[in-house]
Amino acid sequence: MRAVIEAWRKANPEKHRAKEQKRRARKRLNPDTFTYDDWQNVLSYFGGFCAACGRPPGLWHVLAMDHWIPLSSPDCPGTVPTNIIPLCHSRNGDSGGCNNSKSKQ
């Protein structure tokens, strides 16, 4: 069963990220209405580029979903379309992406 789940995650990275964001929001009892279609709308709104630096996804970076107001903040509205932005994220985990260098603030 674990192999099936892992294969689905690799085949559907955007849907997996959306599910993970929802799980985290539920943990904090925040609204979690964000969907895969919402993610597509957010990407369209930002032109498919990083909201912070304008970098497109490519060989070394992907666009990761990120909360504009972090889940750790008491003011966080949750995982809702108005609180999610795309940030570039380094594929190899170094600090080369906006989402890699960000931390809970």
Protein backbone atom coordinates (compact mmCIF):
# COMPACT_ATOMS: atom_id res chain seq x y z
CA MET A 1 0.00 0.00 0.00
CA ARG A 2 2.83 2.40 0.85
CA ALA A 3 4.32 1.95 -2.63
CA VAL A 4 0.97 2.81 -4.23
CA ILE A 5 0.68 6.00 -2.17
CA GLU A 6 4.25 6.99 -2.96
CA ALA A 7 3.68 6.39 -6.69
CA TRP A 8 0.55 8.60 -6.57
CA ARG A 9 2.51 11.37 -4.81
CA LYS A 10 5.20 11.32 -7.48
CA ALA A 11 2.65 11.26 -10.30
CA ASN A 12 0.54 14.08 -8.77
CA PRO A 13 2.89 16.52 -6.99
CA GLU A 14 0.50 19.50 -7.14
CA LYS A 15 -2.43 17.51 -5.77
CA HIS A 16 -0.19 16.05 -3.06
CA ARG A 17 0.92 19.55 -2.03
CA ALA A 18 -2.70 20.70 -1.87
CA LYS A 19 -3.61 17.71 0.32
CA GLU A 20 -0.63 18.39 2.58
CA GLN A 21 -1.58 22.06 2.96
CA LYS A 22 -5.13 21.05 3.87
CA ARG A 23 -3.84 18.58 6.45
CA ARG A 24 -1.72 21.27 8.09
CA ALA A 25 -4.63 23.72 8.16
CA ARG A 26 -6.91 21.12 9.74
CA LYS A 27 -4.26 20.56 12.39
CA ARG A 28 -4.51 24.21 13.32
CA LEU A 29 -8.31 24.25 12.99
CA ASN A 30 -8.09 26.83 10.22
CA PRO A 31 -10.26 26.78 7.10
CA ASP A 32 -8.88 24.52 4.39
CA THR A 33 -10.93 25.28 1.31
CA PHE A 34 -7.96 25.45 -1.10
CA THR A 35 -8.27 23.06 -4.06
CA TYR A 36 -6.19 21.97 -7.03
CA ASP A 37 -8.29 24.29 -9.26
CA ASP A 38 -7.54 27.16 -6.87
CA TRP A 39 -3.82 26.41 -7.28
CA GLN A 40 -4.20 26.59 -11.06
CA ASN A 41 -5.95 29.97 -10.66
CA VAL A 42 -3.18 31.25 -8.37
CA LEU A 43 -0.54 30.17 -10.89
CA SER A 44 -2.50 31.90 -13.66
CA TYR A 45 -2.81 35.09 -11.57
CA PHE A 46 0.96 35.24 -11.03
CA GLY A 47 1.66 34.28 -14.65
CA GLY A 48 3.28 30.99 -13.66
CA PHE A 49 6.15 32.80 -11.89
CA CYS A 50 7.41 33.11 -8.31
CA ALA A 51 5.42 35.81 -6.48
CA ALA A 52 8.57 37.09 -4.73
CA CYS A 53 11.32 37.15 -7.36
CA GLY A 54 9.51 36.45 -10.64
CA ARG A 55 11.52 33.30 -11.41
CA PRO A 56 9.77 30.75 -13.65
CA PRO A 57 9.80 27.04 -12.86
CA GLY A 58 12.57 25.24 -14.66
CA LEU A 59 15.37 22.74 -14.47
CA TRP A 60 16.53 23.81 -10.99
CA HIS A 61 13.35 25.22 -9.46
CA VAL A 62 9.67 24.37 -9.06
CA LEU A 63 6.86 26.55 -7.78
CA ALA A 64 5.74 25.64 -4.29
CA MET A 65 2.49 26.61 -2.58
CA ASP A 66 3.13 28.88 0.34
CA HIS A 67 0.95 30.69 2.84
CA TRP A 68 1.20 34.48 2.58
CA ILE A 69 0.28 34.64 6.27
CA PRO A 70 2.03 31.61 7.82
CA LEU A 71 0.07 28.87 9.55
CA SER A 72 2.15 29.62 12.64
CA SER A 73 0.65 33.12 12.87
CA PRO A 74 -2.44 33.63 15.02
CA ASP A 75 -3.74 35.93 12.22
CA CYS A 76 -3.59 33.17 9.59
CA PRO A 77 -6.90 32.80 7.74
CA GLY A 78 -6.00 29.22 6.83
CA THR A 79 -5.35 27.43 3.57
CA VAL A 80 -7.68 29.51 1.44
CA PRO A 81 -7.19 30.89 -2.10
CA THR A 82 -6.49 34.43 -0.84
CA ASN A 83 -3.66 33.21 1.43
CA ILE A 84 -1.68 31.03 -1.01
CA ILE A 85 1.10 32.30 -3.28
CA PRO A 86 3.61 30.50 -5.53
CA LEU A 87 7.24 30.70 -4.42
CA CYS A 88 10.20 29.17 -6.24
CA HIS A 89 11.69 26.16 -4.49
CA SER A 90 15.05 24.59 -5.30
CA ARG A 91 14.79 21.01 -6.49
CA ASN A 92 17.97 19.96 -4.70
CA GLY A 93 17.00 21.49 -1.35
CA ASP A 94 19.68 24.18 -1.20
CA SER A 95 18.88 27.78 -0.30
CA GLY A 96 18.56 28.85 -3.95
CA GLY A 97 14.78 29.38 -3.90
CA CYS A 98 12.58 31.94 -2.20
CA ASN A 99 10.68 29.19 -0.37
CA ASN A 100 13.94 27.50 0.71
CA SER A 101 15.29 30.63 2.39
CA LYS A 102 12.01 31.49 4.12
CA SER A 103 11.24 30.30 7.62
CA LYS A 104 8.55 30.79 10.22
CA GLN A 105 8.52 34.47 11.02
